[in-house]
N, C-alpha and C. Protein backbone atom coordinates (compact mmCIF):
# COMPACT_ATOMS: atom_id res chain seq x y z
N MET A 1 109.90 136.78 216.43
CA MET A 1 110.59 137.09 215.16
C MET A 1 110.33 135.99 214.14
N LYS A 2 110.46 134.75 214.66
CA LYS A 2 110.23 133.63 213.76
C LYS A 2 108.79 133.59 213.30
N LYS A 3 107.87 133.97 214.23
CA LYS A 3 106.46 133.97 213.86
C LYS A 3 106.20 134.97 212.74
N LYS A 4 106.82 136.16 212.85
CA LYS A 4 106.64 137.19 211.81
C LYS A 4 107.17 136.69 210.48
N GLN A 5 108.33 136.04 210.48
CA GLN A 5 108.90 135.51 209.24
C GLN A 5 107.99 134.43 208.64
N HIS A 6 107.44 133.63 209.52
CA HIS A 6 106.54 132.57 209.06
C HIS A 6 105.30 133.17 208.41
N LYS A 7 104.75 134.22 209.08
CA LYS A 7 103.57 134.87 208.53
C LYS A 7 103.87 135.51 207.17
N ARG A 8 105.04 136.14 207.08
CA ARG A 8 105.42 136.73 205.78
C ARG A 8 105.52 135.66 204.70
N SER A 9 106.13 134.54 205.04
CA SER A 9 106.30 133.44 204.07
C SER A 9 104.94 132.94 203.59
N VAL A 10 104.05 132.76 204.57
CA VAL A 10 102.69 132.30 204.21
C VAL A 10 102.00 133.33 203.33
N PHE A 11 102.15 134.62 203.69
CA PHE A 11 101.51 135.68 202.91
C PHE A 11 102.00 135.69 201.47
N TRP A 12 103.32 135.65 201.30
CA TRP A 12 103.88 135.68 199.94
C TRP A 12 103.57 134.41 199.17
N LEU A 13 103.52 133.29 199.84
CA LEU A 13 103.17 132.03 199.17
C LEU A 13 101.73 132.08 198.69
N PHE A 14 100.86 132.62 199.56
CA PHE A 14 99.44 132.75 199.19
C PHE A 14 99.29 133.72 198.02
N THR A 15 100.02 134.84 198.08
CA THR A 15 99.95 135.84 197.01
C THR A 15 100.43 135.26 195.68
N PHE A 16 101.52 134.48 195.74
CA PHE A 16 102.06 133.86 194.54
C PHE A 16 101.06 132.87 193.94
N ALA A 17 100.47 132.06 194.83
CA ALA A 17 99.51 131.06 194.36
C ALA A 17 98.29 131.72 193.73
N LEU A 18 97.81 132.79 194.36
CA LEU A 18 96.65 133.52 193.84
C LEU A 18 96.95 134.15 192.49
N THR A 19 98.15 134.73 192.38
CA THR A 19 98.55 135.36 191.11
C THR A 19 98.68 134.33 190.01
N ALA A 20 99.28 133.19 190.35
CA ALA A 20 99.47 132.13 189.36
C ALA A 20 98.13 131.58 188.89
N ALA A 21 97.22 131.41 189.85
CA ALA A 21 95.89 130.89 189.50
C ALA A 21 95.16 131.85 188.58
N PHE A 22 95.24 133.15 188.90
CA PHE A 22 94.58 134.16 188.08
C PHE A 22 95.18 134.20 186.68
N PHE A 23 96.52 134.12 186.63
CA PHE A 23 97.21 134.15 185.34
C PHE A 23 96.82 132.94 184.50
N TRP A 24 96.79 131.77 185.12
CA TRP A 24 96.47 130.53 184.40
C TRP A 24 95.02 130.54 183.89
N SER A 25 94.11 130.98 184.79
CA SER A 25 92.71 131.02 184.36
C SER A 25 92.52 132.01 183.22
N GLY A 26 93.28 133.11 183.28
CA GLY A 26 93.20 134.09 182.20
C GLY A 26 93.68 133.52 180.89
N CYS A 27 94.76 132.73 180.96
CA CYS A 27 95.30 132.09 179.75
C CYS A 27 94.29 131.11 179.17
N VAL A 28 93.64 130.35 180.08
CA VAL A 28 92.66 129.37 179.62
C VAL A 28 91.49 130.07 178.95
N ILE A 29 91.02 131.18 179.56
CA ILE A 29 89.90 131.93 178.99
C ILE A 29 90.27 132.48 177.62
N ILE A 30 91.45 133.09 177.53
CA ILE A 30 91.90 133.64 176.25
C ILE A 30 92.04 132.54 175.21
N SER A 31 92.59 131.38 175.66
CA SER A 31 92.76 130.26 174.75
C SER A 31 91.41 129.77 174.24
N ASN A 32 90.45 129.67 175.16
CA ASN A 32 89.13 129.21 174.77
C ASN A 32 88.43 130.20 173.86
N LEU A 33 88.66 131.49 174.12
CA LEU A 33 88.06 132.50 173.26
C LEU A 33 88.60 132.41 171.84
N GLY A 34 89.83 131.98 171.70
CA GLY A 34 90.44 131.89 170.37
C GLY A 34 90.18 130.57 169.68
N THR A 35 89.57 129.61 170.38
CA THR A 35 89.30 128.30 169.79
C THR A 35 87.85 128.22 169.35
N PRO A 36 87.58 127.93 168.08
CA PRO A 36 86.20 127.85 167.60
C PRO A 36 85.44 126.73 168.30
N THR A 37 84.20 126.98 168.63
CA THR A 37 83.35 125.94 169.19
C THR A 37 82.83 125.06 168.07
N ARG A 38 82.15 123.97 168.44
CA ARG A 38 81.60 123.07 167.44
C ARG A 38 80.61 123.79 166.53
N HIS A 39 79.90 124.76 167.10
CA HIS A 39 78.92 125.50 166.31
C HIS A 39 79.60 126.51 165.40
N GLU A 40 80.83 126.88 165.73
CA GLU A 40 81.57 127.85 164.91
C GLU A 40 82.46 127.18 163.87
N ARG A 41 82.92 125.95 164.17
CA ARG A 41 83.78 125.25 163.23
C ARG A 41 83.02 124.91 161.95
N LYS A 42 83.72 124.94 160.84
CA LYS A 42 83.07 124.68 159.55
C LYS A 42 83.81 123.59 158.79
N ILE A 43 83.03 122.83 158.03
CA ILE A 43 83.59 121.81 157.16
C ILE A 43 83.77 122.43 155.78
N ALA A 44 85.00 122.41 155.30
CA ALA A 44 85.32 123.09 154.04
C ALA A 44 84.53 122.50 152.88
N ALA A 45 84.09 123.37 151.98
CA ALA A 45 83.35 122.94 150.80
C ALA A 45 84.21 122.05 149.93
N GLU A 46 83.61 121.02 149.36
CA GLU A 46 84.34 120.17 148.41
C GLU A 46 84.46 120.88 147.06
N TYR A 47 83.47 121.68 146.73
CA TYR A 47 83.54 122.55 145.55
C TYR A 47 82.87 123.86 145.95
N ASP A 48 83.68 124.86 146.26
CA ASP A 48 83.18 126.10 146.84
C ASP A 48 82.59 127.00 145.76
N LEU A 49 81.28 127.17 145.79
CA LEU A 49 80.61 128.02 144.80
C LEU A 49 80.75 129.49 145.11
N ALA A 50 81.35 129.81 146.25
CA ALA A 50 81.55 131.22 146.61
C ALA A 50 82.38 131.94 145.55
N GLY A 51 83.28 131.21 144.90
CA GLY A 51 84.11 131.81 143.87
C GLY A 51 83.51 131.73 142.48
N HIS A 52 82.27 131.23 142.40
CA HIS A 52 81.62 131.06 141.09
C HIS A 52 80.21 131.64 141.11
N THR A 53 80.00 132.68 141.89
CA THR A 53 78.65 133.24 142.01
C THR A 53 78.21 134.00 140.76
N ASP A 54 79.12 134.21 139.82
CA ASP A 54 78.74 134.89 138.59
C ASP A 54 78.46 133.89 137.46
N GLN A 55 78.42 132.61 137.81
CA GLN A 55 78.15 131.58 136.82
C GLN A 55 76.77 130.98 137.06
N LYS A 56 75.99 130.90 136.01
CA LYS A 56 74.62 130.42 136.14
C LYS A 56 74.60 128.89 136.22
N MET A 57 73.72 128.38 137.08
CA MET A 57 73.66 126.93 137.28
C MET A 57 72.25 126.40 137.01
N LEU A 58 72.21 125.23 136.38
CA LEU A 58 70.97 124.49 136.20
C LEU A 58 71.02 123.25 137.08
N VAL A 59 70.03 123.11 137.95
CA VAL A 59 69.87 121.88 138.72
C VAL A 59 68.94 120.99 137.90
N PHE A 60 69.50 119.92 137.36
CA PHE A 60 68.76 119.05 136.44
C PHE A 60 68.48 117.73 137.15
N VAL A 61 67.21 117.50 137.48
CA VAL A 61 66.82 116.27 138.18
C VAL A 61 66.34 115.24 137.17
N ASN A 62 67.01 114.11 137.15
CA ASN A 62 66.66 113.02 136.25
C ASN A 62 65.84 111.99 137.02
N GLN A 63 64.54 111.97 136.74
CA GLN A 63 63.64 111.00 137.37
C GLN A 63 63.31 109.95 136.31
N PRO A 64 63.96 108.80 136.35
CA PRO A 64 63.79 107.79 135.29
C PRO A 64 62.36 107.28 135.18
N ALA A 65 61.99 106.87 133.98
CA ALA A 65 60.62 106.42 133.72
C ALA A 65 60.27 105.16 134.51
N TRP A 66 61.27 104.32 134.76
CA TRP A 66 60.99 103.08 135.47
C TRP A 66 60.72 103.29 136.96
N LEU A 67 61.05 104.47 137.45
CA LEU A 67 60.85 104.74 138.87
C LEU A 67 59.37 105.00 139.13
N ASN A 68 58.77 104.15 139.94
CA ASN A 68 57.34 104.27 140.24
C ASN A 68 57.12 105.34 141.30
N ALA A 69 57.11 106.58 140.86
CA ALA A 69 56.94 107.69 141.80
C ALA A 69 55.76 108.55 141.36
N GLN A 70 54.73 108.58 142.16
CA GLN A 70 53.56 109.38 141.81
C GLN A 70 53.79 110.86 142.07
N ASP A 71 54.85 111.14 142.82
CA ASP A 71 55.17 112.54 143.12
C ASP A 71 56.15 113.09 142.08
N ASN A 72 55.98 114.37 141.76
CA ASN A 72 56.85 115.03 140.79
C ASN A 72 58.16 115.43 141.48
N LEU A 73 59.06 114.48 141.62
CA LEU A 73 60.33 114.73 142.30
C LEU A 73 61.16 115.77 141.56
N ARG A 74 61.02 115.83 140.25
CA ARG A 74 61.78 116.82 139.47
C ARG A 74 61.46 118.23 139.97
N TYR A 75 60.19 118.48 140.18
CA TYR A 75 59.78 119.81 140.65
C TYR A 75 60.24 120.07 142.08
N TYR A 76 59.89 119.15 142.98
CA TYR A 76 60.17 119.37 144.40
C TYR A 76 61.67 119.47 144.69
N LEU A 77 62.45 118.58 144.08
CA LEU A 77 63.89 118.58 144.35
C LEU A 77 64.58 119.82 143.76
N MET A 78 64.25 120.16 142.53
CA MET A 78 64.87 121.32 141.90
C MET A 78 64.54 122.59 142.69
N LYS A 79 63.29 122.73 143.09
CA LYS A 79 62.86 123.92 143.84
C LYS A 79 63.58 124.01 145.18
N LYS A 80 63.63 122.91 145.91
CA LYS A 80 64.22 122.94 147.25
C LYS A 80 65.75 123.07 147.20
N ILE A 81 66.39 122.43 146.23
CA ILE A 81 67.84 122.57 146.09
C ILE A 81 68.19 124.01 145.73
N ASN A 82 67.43 124.61 144.82
CA ASN A 82 67.66 126.01 144.48
C ASN A 82 67.51 126.91 145.71
N GLU A 83 66.48 126.66 146.51
CA GLU A 83 66.26 127.45 147.72
C GLU A 83 67.44 127.34 148.67
N ASN A 84 67.99 126.14 148.80
CA ASN A 84 69.14 125.94 149.68
C ASN A 84 70.38 126.63 149.15
N PHE A 85 70.58 126.62 147.84
CA PHE A 85 71.72 127.33 147.25
C PHE A 85 71.62 128.83 147.53
N ILE A 86 70.41 129.37 147.45
CA ILE A 86 70.22 130.80 147.70
C ILE A 86 70.44 131.14 149.18
N LYS A 87 69.85 130.35 150.05
CA LYS A 87 69.89 130.65 151.48
C LYS A 87 71.23 130.30 152.13
N LYS A 88 71.77 129.13 151.82
CA LYS A 88 72.95 128.64 152.53
C LYS A 88 74.26 128.93 151.80
N ALA A 89 74.27 128.74 150.49
CA ALA A 89 75.49 129.00 149.73
C ALA A 89 75.54 130.42 149.20
N GLU A 90 74.45 131.18 149.43
CA GLU A 90 74.37 132.60 149.05
C GLU A 90 74.58 132.82 147.55
N ILE A 91 73.97 131.94 146.76
CA ILE A 91 73.99 132.10 145.30
C ILE A 91 72.86 133.05 144.92
N PRO A 92 73.13 134.12 144.18
CA PRO A 92 72.07 135.04 143.76
C PRO A 92 71.01 134.30 142.94
N PRO A 93 69.73 134.53 143.18
CA PRO A 93 68.65 133.82 142.48
C PRO A 93 68.76 133.89 140.96
N GLU A 94 69.26 135.02 140.45
CA GLU A 94 69.36 135.16 138.99
C GLU A 94 70.39 134.23 138.36
N TYR A 95 71.22 133.60 139.20
CA TYR A 95 72.21 132.68 138.68
C TYR A 95 71.80 131.22 138.85
N LEU A 96 70.50 131.02 139.06
CA LEU A 96 69.94 129.67 139.14
C LEU A 96 68.76 129.57 138.18
N VAL A 97 68.76 128.57 137.32
CA VAL A 97 67.64 128.36 136.40
C VAL A 97 66.43 127.90 137.21
N GLY A 98 65.29 128.58 137.03
CA GLY A 98 64.08 128.22 137.76
C GLY A 98 63.35 127.06 137.12
N TYR A 99 62.49 126.40 137.89
CA TYR A 99 61.75 125.24 137.36
C TYR A 99 60.83 125.63 136.21
N ASN A 100 60.17 126.77 136.32
CA ASN A 100 59.25 127.20 135.26
C ASN A 100 59.99 127.40 133.94
N GLU A 101 61.20 127.94 134.02
CA GLU A 101 62.00 128.15 132.81
C GLU A 101 62.36 126.82 132.17
N LEU A 102 62.76 125.86 133.00
CA LEU A 102 63.09 124.53 132.48
C LEU A 102 61.86 123.82 131.95
N SER A 103 60.74 123.94 132.67
CA SER A 103 59.50 123.28 132.26
C SER A 103 59.00 123.82 130.92
N GLU A 104 59.11 125.13 130.73
CA GLU A 104 58.69 125.73 129.46
C GLU A 104 59.57 125.23 128.31
N PHE A 105 60.87 125.14 128.56
CA PHE A 105 61.78 124.64 127.53
C PHE A 105 61.44 123.19 127.19
N ARG A 106 61.15 122.39 128.21
CA ARG A 106 60.79 120.99 127.99
C ARG A 106 59.53 120.88 127.14
N SER A 107 58.54 121.70 127.43
CA SER A 107 57.27 121.65 126.71
C SER A 107 57.41 122.06 125.25
N ASN A 108 58.34 122.97 124.97
CA ASN A 108 58.51 123.49 123.61
C ASN A 108 59.48 122.69 122.75
N HIS A 109 60.03 121.63 123.32
CA HIS A 109 60.99 120.83 122.56
C HIS A 109 60.61 119.35 122.61
N ALA A 110 60.09 118.87 121.50
CA ALA A 110 59.65 117.48 121.43
C ALA A 110 60.81 116.51 121.60
N ASP A 111 62.01 116.97 121.28
CA ASP A 111 63.19 116.11 121.38
C ASP A 111 63.91 116.27 122.72
N PHE A 112 63.21 116.81 123.72
CA PHE A 112 63.85 117.10 125.00
C PHE A 112 64.53 115.87 125.59
N SER A 113 63.88 114.72 125.50
CA SER A 113 64.43 113.50 126.10
C SER A 113 65.73 113.05 125.44
N LEU A 114 65.99 113.56 124.24
CA LEU A 114 67.20 113.18 123.51
C LEU A 114 68.38 114.10 123.84
N LEU A 115 68.10 115.20 124.51
CA LEU A 115 69.15 116.15 124.84
C LEU A 115 69.86 115.75 126.13
N SER A 116 71.15 115.99 126.15
CA SER A 116 71.91 115.73 127.38
C SER A 116 71.68 116.89 128.35
N PRO A 117 71.93 116.69 129.64
CA PRO A 117 71.78 117.78 130.61
C PRO A 117 72.62 119.01 130.26
N THR A 118 73.83 118.80 129.74
CA THR A 118 74.67 119.95 129.39
C THR A 118 74.12 120.67 128.15
N GLU A 119 73.48 119.94 127.24
CA GLU A 119 72.86 120.58 126.08
C GLU A 119 71.67 121.43 126.52
N VAL A 120 70.91 120.92 127.46
CA VAL A 120 69.80 121.70 128.01
C VAL A 120 70.34 122.92 128.74
N GLY A 121 71.40 122.73 129.49
CA GLY A 121 72.03 123.84 130.21
C GLY A 121 72.50 124.92 129.26
N ALA A 122 73.12 124.52 128.16
CA ALA A 122 73.60 125.49 127.17
C ALA A 122 72.44 126.29 126.57
N ALA A 123 71.33 125.60 126.29
CA ALA A 123 70.17 126.26 125.71
C ALA A 123 69.56 127.27 126.67
N LEU A 124 69.75 127.03 127.97
CA LEU A 124 69.20 127.93 128.99
C LEU A 124 70.25 128.89 129.54
N ASN A 125 71.36 129.01 128.81
CA ASN A 125 72.45 129.95 129.15
C ASN A 125 73.08 129.67 130.51
N ALA A 126 73.13 128.40 130.88
CA ALA A 126 73.78 128.01 132.14
C ALA A 126 75.26 127.73 131.89
N ASP A 127 76.08 127.98 132.90
CA ASP A 127 77.51 127.68 132.82
C ASP A 127 77.85 126.32 133.44
N MET A 128 77.00 125.90 134.39
CA MET A 128 77.20 124.62 135.06
C MET A 128 75.87 123.89 135.19
N VAL A 129 75.95 122.57 135.22
CA VAL A 129 74.77 121.74 135.44
C VAL A 129 75.04 120.80 136.59
N LEU A 130 74.17 120.88 137.60
CA LEU A 130 74.24 119.92 138.69
C LEU A 130 73.22 118.83 138.38
N LEU A 131 73.72 117.68 137.97
CA LEU A 131 72.86 116.56 137.60
C LEU A 131 72.52 115.76 138.85
N VAL A 132 71.22 115.62 139.11
CA VAL A 132 70.72 114.86 140.26
C VAL A 132 69.98 113.65 139.71
N MET A 133 70.56 112.48 139.85
CA MET A 133 69.98 111.26 139.28
C MET A 133 69.28 110.45 140.37
N VAL A 134 67.96 110.41 140.32
CA VAL A 134 67.19 109.65 141.31
C VAL A 134 67.30 108.17 140.99
N ASN A 135 67.75 107.38 141.96
CA ASN A 135 67.84 105.93 141.72
C ASN A 135 67.12 105.09 142.77
N GLY A 136 66.42 105.75 143.66
CA GLY A 136 65.63 105.02 144.64
C GLY A 136 64.67 105.94 145.35
N TYR A 137 63.40 105.50 145.47
CA TYR A 137 62.41 106.35 146.13
C TYR A 137 61.28 105.49 146.68
N GLU A 138 60.97 105.69 147.95
CA GLU A 138 59.85 104.99 148.58
C GLU A 138 59.17 105.95 149.55
N LEU A 139 57.87 105.97 149.49
CA LEU A 139 57.08 106.74 150.45
C LEU A 139 55.82 105.91 150.71
N ASN A 140 55.85 105.12 151.77
CA ASN A 140 54.82 104.12 152.02
C ASN A 140 54.03 104.41 153.28
N LYS A 141 52.72 104.23 153.17
CA LYS A 141 51.85 104.40 154.32
C LYS A 141 51.84 103.12 155.14
N MET A 142 52.00 103.27 156.45
CA MET A 142 51.97 102.10 157.33
C MET A 142 50.52 101.65 157.51
N ALA A 143 50.32 100.34 157.52
CA ALA A 143 48.98 99.77 157.57
C ALA A 143 48.16 100.29 158.75
N GLN A 144 46.91 100.68 158.44
CA GLN A 144 45.93 101.12 159.43
C GLN A 144 46.38 102.34 160.24
N THR A 145 47.22 103.15 159.64
CA THR A 145 47.66 104.39 160.30
C THR A 145 47.77 105.48 159.24
N ASN A 146 48.07 106.68 159.69
CA ASN A 146 48.38 107.77 158.77
C ASN A 146 49.87 108.07 158.81
N TYR A 147 50.64 107.09 159.27
CA TYR A 147 52.09 107.23 159.38
C TYR A 147 52.75 106.76 158.09
N TYR A 148 53.90 107.37 157.79
CA TYR A 148 54.63 107.02 156.57
C TYR A 148 56.10 106.70 156.86
N THR A 149 56.64 105.81 156.06
CA THR A 149 58.09 105.59 156.04
C THR A 149 58.60 106.14 154.72
N GLY A 150 59.82 106.65 154.71
CA GLY A 150 60.32 107.27 153.48
C GLY A 150 61.79 107.00 153.23
N PHE A 151 62.15 106.95 151.95
CA PHE A 151 63.55 106.75 151.54
C PHE A 151 63.75 107.40 150.18
N LEU A 152 64.88 108.10 150.02
CA LEU A 152 65.21 108.74 148.76
C LEU A 152 66.72 108.65 148.54
N SER A 153 67.09 108.15 147.37
CA SER A 153 68.51 107.96 147.04
C SER A 153 68.81 108.60 145.69
N VAL A 154 69.90 109.34 145.62
CA VAL A 154 70.30 109.98 144.36
C VAL A 154 71.82 109.88 144.20
N ARG A 155 72.27 110.14 142.98
CA ARG A 155 73.69 110.36 142.70
C ARG A 155 73.79 111.72 142.05
N ILE A 156 74.77 112.51 142.45
CA ILE A 156 74.89 113.86 141.92
C ILE A 156 76.29 114.09 141.35
N VAL A 157 76.34 114.94 140.33
CA VAL A 157 77.61 115.29 139.71
C VAL A 157 77.48 116.68 139.08
N LEU A 158 78.53 117.47 139.16
CA LEU A 158 78.54 118.83 138.61
C LEU A 158 79.36 118.86 137.33
N HIS A 159 78.76 119.37 136.25
CA HIS A 159 79.43 119.44 134.95
C HIS A 159 79.61 120.88 134.49
N ASP A 160 80.68 121.11 133.76
CA ASP A 160 80.89 122.37 133.07
C ASP A 160 80.15 122.29 131.74
N VAL A 161 79.31 123.28 131.45
CA VAL A 161 78.47 123.23 130.24
C VAL A 161 79.31 123.40 128.98
N ALA A 162 80.25 124.32 128.98
CA ALA A 162 81.03 124.61 127.78
C ALA A 162 81.87 123.42 127.33
N THR A 163 82.48 122.73 128.28
CA THR A 163 83.38 121.63 127.92
C THR A 163 82.77 120.24 128.13
N GLY A 164 81.70 120.18 128.95
CA GLY A 164 81.10 118.89 129.26
C GLY A 164 81.88 118.13 130.32
N GLU A 165 82.97 118.72 130.82
CA GLU A 165 83.81 118.02 131.79
C GLU A 165 83.18 118.02 133.18
N LYS A 166 83.54 117.01 133.94
CA LYS A 166 83.06 116.91 135.32
C LYS A 166 83.89 117.83 136.20
N LEU A 167 83.20 118.66 136.97
CA LEU A 167 83.87 119.58 137.89
C LEU A 167 83.96 119.00 139.30
N TRP A 168 82.97 118.19 139.63
CA TRP A 168 82.89 117.62 140.99
C TRP A 168 81.97 116.41 140.96
N PRO A 169 82.27 115.39 141.76
CA PRO A 169 83.39 115.23 142.70
C PRO A 169 84.68 114.88 141.97
N GLU A 170 85.81 115.14 142.62
CA GLU A 170 87.10 114.92 141.98
C GLU A 170 87.48 113.45 141.90
N SER A 171 87.21 112.70 142.96
CA SER A 171 87.74 111.34 143.06
C SER A 171 86.75 110.24 142.71
N ALA A 172 85.62 110.59 142.14
CA ALA A 172 84.64 109.57 141.77
C ALA A 172 83.78 110.09 140.63
N ARG A 173 83.02 109.19 140.01
CA ARG A 173 82.16 109.60 138.91
C ARG A 173 80.96 110.40 139.39
N SER A 174 80.51 110.12 140.60
CA SER A 174 79.37 110.84 141.16
C SER A 174 79.37 110.68 142.67
N LYS A 175 78.52 111.45 143.32
CA LYS A 175 78.40 111.41 144.78
C LYS A 175 77.06 110.77 145.14
N SER A 176 77.09 109.80 146.03
CA SER A 176 75.87 109.13 146.46
C SER A 176 75.31 109.81 147.70
N ILE A 177 74.01 110.08 147.69
CA ILE A 177 73.34 110.67 148.83
C ILE A 177 72.05 109.88 149.10
N LYS A 178 71.85 109.54 150.37
CA LYS A 178 70.66 108.80 150.77
C LYS A 178 70.06 109.45 152.02
N VAL A 179 68.74 109.61 152.00
CA VAL A 179 68.04 110.13 153.17
C VAL A 179 66.80 109.28 153.41
N GLY A 180 66.31 109.33 154.64
CA GLY A 180 65.11 108.56 154.93
C GLY A 180 64.74 108.59 156.40
N PHE A 181 63.59 108.02 156.71
CA PHE A 181 63.11 107.95 158.08
C PHE A 181 62.18 106.76 158.23
N GLU A 182 62.04 106.29 159.47
CA GLU A 182 61.19 105.13 159.75
C GLU A 182 59.73 105.53 159.98
N VAL A 183 59.52 106.68 160.58
CA VAL A 183 58.14 107.10 160.89
C VAL A 183 57.98 108.60 160.73
N GLU A 184 56.94 109.00 160.00
CA GLU A 184 56.49 110.39 159.95
C GLU A 184 54.99 110.37 160.18
N SER A 185 54.56 111.03 161.24
CA SER A 185 53.17 110.92 161.69
C SER A 185 52.25 112.02 161.16
N ARG A 186 52.81 112.98 160.39
CA ARG A 186 51.99 114.14 160.02
C ARG A 186 51.43 114.08 158.60
N GLY A 187 51.37 112.90 158.02
CA GLY A 187 50.73 112.74 156.72
C GLY A 187 51.71 112.72 155.55
N ARG A 188 51.18 112.39 154.38
CA ARG A 188 52.01 112.19 153.19
C ARG A 188 52.70 113.47 152.72
N GLU A 189 52.00 114.57 152.74
CA GLU A 189 52.57 115.83 152.24
C GLU A 189 53.79 116.24 153.07
N VAL A 190 53.66 116.13 154.37
CA VAL A 190 54.78 116.47 155.26
C VAL A 190 55.92 115.47 155.08
N ALA A 191 55.57 114.20 154.90
CA ALA A 191 56.59 113.16 154.72
C ALA A 191 57.42 113.42 153.46
N LEU A 192 56.74 113.79 152.37
CA LEU A 192 57.43 114.10 151.12
C LEU A 192 58.32 115.33 151.29
N ALA A 193 57.80 116.37 151.93
CA ALA A 193 58.57 117.59 152.15
C ALA A 193 59.81 117.30 153.01
N ARG A 194 59.65 116.41 153.98
CA ARG A 194 60.77 116.05 154.85
C ARG A 194 61.88 115.35 154.07
N LEU A 195 61.51 114.44 153.19
CA LEU A 195 62.49 113.75 152.35
C LEU A 195 63.23 114.73 151.45
N VAL A 196 62.46 115.56 150.77
CA VAL A 196 63.04 116.50 149.81
C VAL A 196 63.95 117.51 150.51
N SER A 197 63.52 118.01 151.66
CA SER A 197 64.33 118.98 152.41
C SER A 197 65.65 118.36 152.86
N ALA A 198 65.59 117.12 153.33
CA ALA A 198 66.80 116.43 153.78
C ALA A 198 67.75 116.22 152.61
N LEU A 199 67.22 115.82 151.47
CA LEU A 199 68.06 115.57 150.29
C LEU A 199 68.69 116.87 149.80
N ALA A 200 67.92 117.95 149.81
CA ALA A 200 68.45 119.25 149.37
C ALA A 200 69.59 119.70 150.27
N HIS A 201 69.40 119.57 151.57
CA HIS A 201 70.47 119.95 152.51
C HIS A 201 71.72 119.11 152.28
N CYS A 202 71.54 117.80 152.16
CA CYS A 202 72.69 116.89 152.02
C CYS A 202 73.40 117.06 150.68
N THR A 203 72.75 117.72 149.74
CA THR A 203 73.37 118.04 148.45
C THR A 203 74.16 119.34 148.54
N VAL A 204 73.50 120.39 148.99
CA VAL A 204 74.09 121.73 148.99
C VAL A 204 75.24 121.86 149.98
N ARG A 205 75.26 121.07 151.05
CA ARG A 205 76.31 121.19 152.08
C ARG A 205 77.72 121.01 151.54
N TYR A 206 77.86 120.39 150.37
CA TYR A 206 79.19 120.17 149.80
C TYR A 206 79.71 121.38 149.01
N PHE A 207 78.86 122.41 148.86
CA PHE A 207 79.22 123.52 147.99
C PHE A 207 79.45 124.84 148.73
N TYR A 208 79.50 124.79 150.04
CA TYR A 208 79.85 125.98 150.82
C TYR A 208 80.46 125.50 152.14
N ASN A 209 81.09 126.39 152.85
CA ASN A 209 81.71 126.03 154.13
C ASN A 209 80.61 125.86 155.18
N CYS A 210 80.19 124.64 155.35
CA CYS A 210 79.03 124.34 156.18
C CYS A 210 79.42 124.22 157.65
N PRO A 211 78.71 124.88 158.56
CA PRO A 211 78.99 124.72 159.99
C PRO A 211 78.96 123.24 160.39
N GLN A 212 79.94 122.82 161.15
CA GLN A 212 80.05 121.42 161.51
C GLN A 212 78.79 120.90 162.22
N ALA A 213 78.20 121.73 163.07
CA ALA A 213 77.03 121.31 163.83
C ALA A 213 75.80 121.08 162.95
N LYS A 214 75.82 121.63 161.72
CA LYS A 214 74.67 121.51 160.83
C LYS A 214 74.92 120.57 159.66
N PHE A 215 76.14 120.07 159.53
CA PHE A 215 76.48 119.26 158.37
C PHE A 215 75.68 117.95 158.34
N LYS A 216 75.67 117.24 159.44
CA LYS A 216 74.98 115.96 159.53
C LYS A 216 73.61 116.18 160.14
N ILE A 217 72.55 115.65 159.50
CA ILE A 217 71.21 115.79 160.03
C ILE A 217 70.63 114.41 160.32
N ALA A 218 69.52 114.39 161.06
CA ALA A 218 68.95 113.13 161.54
C ALA A 218 68.54 112.19 160.41
N ASP A 219 68.02 112.73 159.31
CA ASP A 219 67.51 111.89 158.22
C ASP A 219 68.58 111.51 157.19
N ASP A 220 69.82 111.87 157.46
CA ASP A 220 70.92 111.57 156.54
C ASP A 220 71.35 110.11 156.69
N LEU A 221 71.17 109.34 155.62
CA LEU A 221 71.57 107.93 155.61
C LEU A 221 72.76 107.69 154.69
N THR A 222 73.39 108.78 154.27
CA THR A 222 74.49 108.68 153.31
C THR A 222 75.63 107.83 153.86
N GLU A 223 76.08 106.92 153.04
CA GLU A 223 77.20 106.07 153.40
C GLU A 223 78.39 106.45 152.53
N ILE A 224 79.56 105.99 152.92
CA ILE A 224 80.75 106.22 152.09
C ILE A 224 80.82 105.08 151.07
N ASP A 225 80.08 105.27 149.98
CA ASP A 225 80.02 104.21 148.97
C ASP A 225 80.18 104.84 147.58
N TRP A 226 81.30 105.50 147.40
CA TRP A 226 81.57 106.19 146.14
C TRP A 226 81.56 105.21 144.96
N GLU A 227 80.96 105.67 143.88
CA GLU A 227 80.96 104.89 142.64
C GLU A 227 82.28 105.17 141.92
N ARG A 228 83.02 104.12 141.59
CA ARG A 228 84.33 104.30 140.94
C ARG A 228 84.34 103.68 139.54
């Protein structure tokens, strides 16, 4: 009799333990299913252009005369940043001023250098101007090799064309972005494209809800050094 009672106790204890384990594992699975993974989590946009897709934007790259750059950074940066806005921030192409349009305007206006970025934006029917100010650039070939080292530094700020007011960033005059690498083995053209692509990504990521896993890239050298 006692043996039967013991067996029943063991049976019910085992059944309870099995049920509890199943219930707990089910809760964990459901909990995990409801929790975003690192690839699903997103970093909120600092200035979300999703709500401004009907406003035309001019990406205005300021490459100062003193900067010894044999490459046309104005062309490469504007083109790649526009491409990133279209692909990642889902800005319709018609709401971005193209390089050819800007280049034609520059050629037809002898006083172009005297115009402010917002004045150029107004002339091209833009509602916003993203000013990209290049303040550092190096693309050097390593001695006796076809390898290159690269560095590109800019400050960016978004302005409203109608009022001239700064829209972004909120807590500083501009945003500093730096990209670079120690070695690129595939030649100068690839090295330049790598710099420009990295800079474009590190610029556009602030204007849409960027997946956390894609926010930071290998060539990102950006530091927290806001200009105040």
